[in-house]
Structures are given as C-alpha cells and as structure tokens.
Amino acid sequence: MMMGKVLADKGKRTAIWLIFLAYVAILLKLTVFRYGFGIYEHFSGKLNLELFTNYIPIIKEGHWFDFVYLFFGNIVWFIPWGLFFRAFLKQPAWISILSGTLLSVLIETLQYIFAVGDCEIDDVILNTIGAVIGCAVGTAFLLRRKRGY
C-alpha cells in the first residue's frame, strides 16, 4: 500500500511540473517569442520608464477590453508563478516574490532586445503584484494543509 502512495505522489509531482513548464512556455510565447521575434536588430525595442502612461490613451479612447486585458493580464499571468514557488517548491515568500520579479525583468529585457513589445516598468510592477497574490494563495494553501484541512 505504501508503494502505491509513493507512486501516486510522484505522479502528482510530475503532473504539476509538466503544468508549470507548459505555463512558462505559454508565458514566454505570449511575451517574447511572438510574432515579429528576431526580425529587428538587437536593442531596437521601446523603453518606457514612466508609470502607467500607456494605459491613459487606451482608457481615453474607450478601449476598456484592451485596458482590462493589459492591466489585469499582467497581474493574472504571474499568479501561478508565486503559487508554484510558495506552495509546491515551498520557497520562502521573499524568494517566491523576488523570482517572479526577476522573471518579469528578464521578459521585459528580452522584449526590448528583440523589439517584440514595450519594455515597461509598470509591467514589472503588475507582474510582481501577481507573484505576491500567488504567493499569498500558496501560503494559505500551506497553512491549511499544515492544519489538516
């Protein structure tokens, strides 16, 4: 009976890793390896260090779907990162959040280098908020599991 539990646990871990790797692949496909990747010369992307300036024209023009997708999408896409690092890898909260922030900085840097999007500081902030939310959910999961719920 013990061997069956070990195999079931190993199967769950493998499935979680596969889901996480698929998530990372989709995230990179959406943000870096998308249409136009590699067409332009290096360092020809746009850099925007002003907070949330690209959202103002979108709102003024009434493109609410685009605003919601861009603003909340940046948050939602990083929730799984924080959740995975905190709940599955059982990393401390600061590592879960910092790793999400560093991934975001890497993505923004690659977008700049390969000119496949705007390198924006607000994306890093929103992505980090997503990692924080995921980390909080992961912490709640760990606490609940520890208490036996």
C-alpha atoms as a PDB file:
ATOM      1  CA  MET A   1       0.000   0.000   0.000  1.00  0.00           C
ATOM      2  CA  MET A   2       2.860   2.379   0.804  1.00  0.00           C
ATOM      3  CA  MET A   3       4.362   1.921  -2.686  1.00  0.00           C
ATOM      4  CA  GLY A   4       1.068   2.944  -4.298  1.00  0.00           C
ATOM      5  CA  LYS A   5       1.028   6.218  -2.329  1.00  0.00           C
ATOM      6  CA  VAL A   6       4.634   6.944  -3.309  1.00  0.00           C
ATOM      7  CA  LEU A   7       3.833   6.359  -6.971  1.00  0.00           C
ATOM      8  CA  ALA A   8       0.686   8.471  -6.742  1.00  0.00           C
ATOM      9  CA  ASP A   9       2.649  11.309  -5.098  1.00  0.00           C
ATOM     10  CA  LYS A  10       5.366  11.042  -7.742  1.00  0.00           C
ATOM     11  CA  GLY A  11       2.706  11.117 -10.465  1.00  0.00           C
ATOM     12  CA  LYS A  12       1.153  14.256  -8.935  1.00  0.00           C
ATOM     13  CA  ARG A  13       4.553  15.948  -8.716  1.00  0.00           C
ATOM     14  CA  THR A  14       5.304  15.079 -12.324  1.00  0.00           C
ATOM     15  CA  ALA A  15       1.922  16.398 -13.449  1.00  0.00           C
ATOM     16  CA  ILE A  16       2.431  19.655 -11.515  1.00  0.00           C
ATOM     17  CA  TRP A  17       5.889  20.106 -13.051  1.00  0.00           C
ATOM     18  CA  LEU A  18       4.501  19.487 -16.543  1.00  0.00           C
ATOM     19  CA  ILE A  19       1.694  22.006 -15.981  1.00  0.00           C
ATOM     20  CA  PHE A  20       4.202  24.547 -14.654  1.00  0.00           C
ATOM     21  CA  LEU A  21       6.550  24.060 -17.626  1.00  0.00           C
ATOM     22  CA  ALA A  22       3.590  24.439 -20.017  1.00  0.00           C
ATOM     23  CA  TYR A  23       2.625  27.643 -18.186  1.00  0.00           C
ATOM     24  CA  VAL A  24       6.173  29.034 -18.551  1.00  0.00           C
ATOM     25  CA  ALA A  25       6.254  28.087 -22.242  1.00  0.00           C
ATOM     26  CA  ILE A  26       2.905  29.812 -22.875  1.00  0.00           C
ATOM     27  CA  LEU A  27       4.012  32.873 -20.882  1.00  0.00           C
ATOM     28  CA  LEU A  28       7.212  33.180 -22.926  1.00  0.00           C
ATOM     29  CA  LYS A  29       5.312  32.607 -26.175  1.00  0.00           C
ATOM     30  CA  LEU A  30       2.869  35.412 -25.309  1.00  0.00           C
ATOM     31  CA  THR A  31       5.511  37.862 -24.147  1.00  0.00           C
ATOM     32  CA  VAL A  32       8.756  37.183 -26.011  1.00  0.00           C
ATOM     33  CA  PHE A  33       8.567  34.528 -28.714  1.00  0.00           C
ATOM     34  CA  ARG A  34       5.597  36.020 -30.509  1.00  0.00           C
ATOM     35  CA  TYR A  35       5.052  37.372 -33.993  1.00  0.00           C
ATOM     36  CA  GLY A  36       7.949  39.565 -35.019  1.00  0.00           C
ATOM     37  CA  PHE A  37      10.513  37.855 -32.797  1.00  0.00           C
ATOM     38  CA  GLY A  38      14.004  38.124 -34.251  1.00  0.00           C
ATOM     39  CA  ILE A  39      13.051  40.290 -37.239  1.00  0.00           C
ATOM     40  CA  TYR A  40      14.572  43.535 -35.999  1.00  0.00           C
ATOM     41  CA  GLU A  41      18.107  44.388 -34.996  1.00  0.00           C
ATOM     42  CA  HIS A  42      19.026  43.966 -31.356  1.00  0.00           C
ATOM     43  CA  PHE A  43      18.172  46.753 -28.899  1.00  0.00           C
ATOM     44  CA  SER A  44      15.564  48.287 -31.153  1.00  0.00           C
ATOM     45  CA  GLY A  45      12.638  47.919 -28.746  1.00  0.00           C
ATOM     46  CA  LYS A  46      10.836  50.661 -26.872  1.00  0.00           C
ATOM     47  CA  LEU A  47      11.671  51.523 -23.283  1.00  0.00           C
ATOM     48  CA  ASN A  48       9.063  53.191 -21.068  1.00  0.00           C
ATOM     49  CA  LEU A  49      10.032  54.045 -17.504  1.00  0.00           C
ATOM     50  CA  GLU A  50       7.024  56.280 -16.816  1.00  0.00           C
ATOM     51  CA  LEU A  51       4.364  54.603 -14.731  1.00  0.00           C
ATOM     52  CA  PHE A  52       1.118  53.631 -16.462  1.00  0.00           C
ATOM     53  CA  THR A  53       1.394  56.201 -19.280  1.00  0.00           C
ATOM     54  CA  ASN A  54       0.409  53.719 -21.988  1.00  0.00           C
ATOM     55  CA  TYR A  55      -2.877  52.974 -20.209  1.00  0.00           C
ATOM     56  CA  ILE A  56      -4.157  56.561 -20.306  1.00  0.00           C
ATOM     57  CA  PRO A  57      -4.696  56.716 -24.110  1.00  0.00           C
ATOM     58  CA  ILE A  58      -6.320  53.283 -24.035  1.00  0.00           C
ATOM     59  CA  ILE A  59      -8.812  54.447 -21.399  1.00  0.00           C
ATOM     60  CA  LYS A  60      -9.410  57.826 -23.101  1.00  0.00           C
ATOM     61  CA  GLU A  61     -10.183  56.080 -26.389  1.00  0.00           C
ATOM     62  CA  GLY A  62     -12.667  53.798 -24.622  1.00  0.00           C
ATOM     63  CA  HIS A  63     -10.799  50.570 -25.291  1.00  0.00           C
ATOM     64  CA  TRP A  64     -11.847  49.038 -21.976  1.00  0.00           C
ATOM     65  CA  PHE A  65     -11.283  45.435 -23.036  1.00  0.00           C
ATOM     66  CA  ASP A  66      -7.699  46.252 -24.025  1.00  0.00           C
ATOM     67  CA  PHE A  67      -7.161  48.046 -20.721  1.00  0.00           C
ATOM     68  CA  VAL A  68      -8.539  45.159 -18.653  1.00  0.00           C
ATOM     69  CA  TYR A  69      -6.560  42.612 -20.681  1.00  0.00           C
ATOM     70  CA  LEU A  70      -3.271  44.506 -20.414  1.00  0.00           C
ATOM     71  CA  PHE A  71      -3.583  45.728 -16.832  1.00  0.00           C
ATOM     72  CA  PHE A  72      -5.116  42.689 -15.156  1.00  0.00           C
ATOM     73  CA  GLY A  73      -3.460  40.255 -17.546  1.00  0.00           C
ATOM     74  CA  ASN A  74      -0.066  41.383 -16.280  1.00  0.00           C
ATOM     75  CA  ILE A  75      -1.212  40.505 -12.773  1.00  0.00           C
ATOM     76  CA  VAL A  76      -3.040  37.261 -13.549  1.00  0.00           C
ATOM     77  CA  TRP A  77      -0.258  35.752 -15.646  1.00  0.00           C
ATOM     78  CA  PHE A  78       2.148  35.861 -12.675  1.00  0.00           C
ATOM     79  CA  ILE A  79      -0.157  34.420 -10.011  1.00  0.00           C
ATOM     80  CA  PRO A  80       0.788  30.829 -10.963  1.00  0.00           C
ATOM     81  CA  TRP A  81       4.481  31.703 -10.587  1.00  0.00           C
ATOM     82  CA  GLY A  82       4.110  32.864  -6.972  1.00  0.00           C
ATOM     83  CA  LEU A  83       1.756  29.980  -6.177  1.00  0.00           C
ATOM     84  CA  PHE A  84       4.105  27.355  -7.617  1.00  0.00           C
ATOM     85  CA  PHE A  85       7.210  28.646  -5.843  1.00  0.00           C
ATOM     86  CA  ARG A  86       5.452  29.054  -2.498  1.00  0.00           C
ATOM     87  CA  ALA A  87       3.141  26.018  -2.354  1.00  0.00           C
ATOM     88  CA  PHE A  88       4.884  23.422  -4.494  1.00  0.00           C
ATOM     89  CA  LEU A  89       8.574  24.268  -4.107  1.00  0.00           C
ATOM     90  CA  LYS A  90       7.906  25.521  -0.549  1.00  0.00           C
ATOM     91  CA  GLN A  91      10.172  28.514  -1.014  1.00  0.00           C
ATOM     92  CA  PRO A  92      10.033  31.408   1.435  1.00  0.00           C
ATOM     93  CA  ALA A  93       7.675  34.197   0.407  1.00  0.00           C
ATOM     94  CA  TRP A  94      10.509  36.595  -0.413  1.00  0.00           C
ATOM     95  CA  ILE A  95      12.099  34.101  -2.826  1.00  0.00           C
ATOM     96  CA  SER A  96       8.736  33.387  -4.472  1.00  0.00           C
ATOM     97  CA  ILE A  97       8.129  37.100  -4.996  1.00  0.00           C
ATOM     98  CA  LEU A  98      11.707  38.002  -5.940  1.00  0.00           C
ATOM     99  CA  SER A  99      11.872  35.198  -8.514  1.00  0.00           C
ATOM    100  CA  GLY A 100       8.635  36.487 -10.086  1.00  0.00           C
ATOM    101  CA  THR A 101      10.060  39.999 -10.213  1.00  0.00           C
ATOM    102  CA  LEU A 102      13.303  38.747 -11.782  1.00  0.00           C
ATOM    103  CA  LEU A 103      11.371  36.731 -14.362  1.00  0.00           C
ATOM    104  CA  SER A 104       9.401  39.862 -15.223  1.00  0.00           C
ATOM    105  CA  VAL A 105      12.603  41.907 -15.582  1.00  0.00           C
ATOM    106  CA  LEU A 106      14.022  39.175 -17.830  1.00  0.00           C
ATOM    107  CA  ILE A 107      10.905  39.179 -20.012  1.00  0.00           C
ATOM    108  CA  GLU A 108      10.897  42.985 -20.289  1.00  0.00           C
ATOM    109  CA  THR A 109      14.609  42.965 -21.143  1.00  0.00           C
ATOM    110  CA  LEU A 110      14.078  40.340 -23.848  1.00  0.00           C
ATOM    111  CA  GLN A 111      11.163  42.349 -25.241  1.00  0.00           C
ATOM    112  CA  TYR A 112      13.481  45.335 -25.501  1.00  0.00           C
ATOM    113  CA  ILE A 113      16.380  43.405 -27.018  1.00  0.00           C
ATOM    114  CA  PHE A 114      14.262  41.621 -29.620  1.00  0.00           C
ATOM    115  CA  ALA A 115      11.802  44.506 -30.180  1.00  0.00           C
ATOM    116  CA  VAL A 116       8.736  42.370 -29.539  1.00  0.00           C
ATOM    117  CA  GLY A 117       6.965  44.672 -27.140  1.00  0.00           C
ATOM    118  CA  ASP A 118       7.429  47.672 -24.971  1.00  0.00           C
ATOM    119  CA  CYS A 119       9.799  47.300 -22.054  1.00  0.00           C
ATOM    120  CA  GLU A 120       7.741  48.950 -19.311  1.00  0.00           C
ATOM    121  CA  ILE A 121       8.350  49.419 -15.614  1.00  0.00           C
ATOM    122  CA  ASP A 122       4.620  49.174 -14.922  1.00  0.00           C
ATOM    123  CA  ASP A 123       4.611  45.635 -16.353  1.00  0.00           C
ATOM    124  CA  VAL A 124       7.264  44.659 -13.810  1.00  0.00           C
ATOM    125  CA  ILE A 125       5.186  46.206 -11.004  1.00  0.00           C
ATOM    126  CA  LEU A 126       1.968  44.487 -12.116  1.00  0.00           C
ATOM    127  CA  ASN A 127       3.742  41.155 -12.651  1.00  0.00           C
ATOM    128  CA  THR A 128       5.208  41.420  -9.156  1.00  0.00           C
ATOM    129  CA  ILE A 129       1.729  42.077  -7.733  1.00  0.00           C
ATOM    130  CA  GLY A 130       0.628  38.860  -9.453  1.00  0.00           C
ATOM    131  CA  ALA A 131       3.534  36.952  -7.884  1.00  0.00           C
ATOM    132  CA  VAL A 132       2.585  38.402  -4.474  1.00  0.00           C
ATOM    133  CA  ILE A 133      -1.031  37.272  -4.895  1.00  0.00           C
ATOM    134  CA  GLY A 134       0.103  33.800  -5.969  1.00  0.00           C
ATOM    135  CA  CYS A 135       2.483  33.644  -3.024  1.00  0.00           C
ATOM    136  CA  ALA A 136      -0.334  34.619  -0.644  1.00  0.00           C
ATOM    137  CA  VAL A 137      -2.574  31.897  -2.074  1.00  0.00           C
ATOM    138  CA  GLY A 138       0.300  29.426  -1.777  1.00  0.00           C
ATOM    139  CA  THR A 139       0.886  30.444   1.848  1.00  0.00           C
ATOM    140  CA  ALA A 140      -2.809  29.974   2.630  1.00  0.00           C
ATOM    141  CA  PHE A 141      -2.654  26.546   0.983  1.00  0.00           C
ATOM    142  CA  LEU A 142       0.383  25.545   3.059  1.00  0.00           C
ATOM    143  CA  LEU A 143      -1.218  26.776   6.294  1.00  0.00           C
ATOM    144  CA  ARG A 144      -4.432  24.952   5.527  1.00  0.00           C
ATOM    145  CA  ARG A 145      -2.550  21.772   4.716  1.00  0.00           C
ATOM    146  CA  LYS A 146      -0.461  22.073   7.885  1.00  0.00           C
ATOM    147  CA  ARG A 147      -3.649  22.359   9.972  1.00  0.00           C
ATOM    148  CA  GLY A 148      -5.049  19.272   8.254  1.00  0.00           C
ATOM    149  CA  TYR A 149      -7.981  20.820   6.370  1.00  0.00           C
END
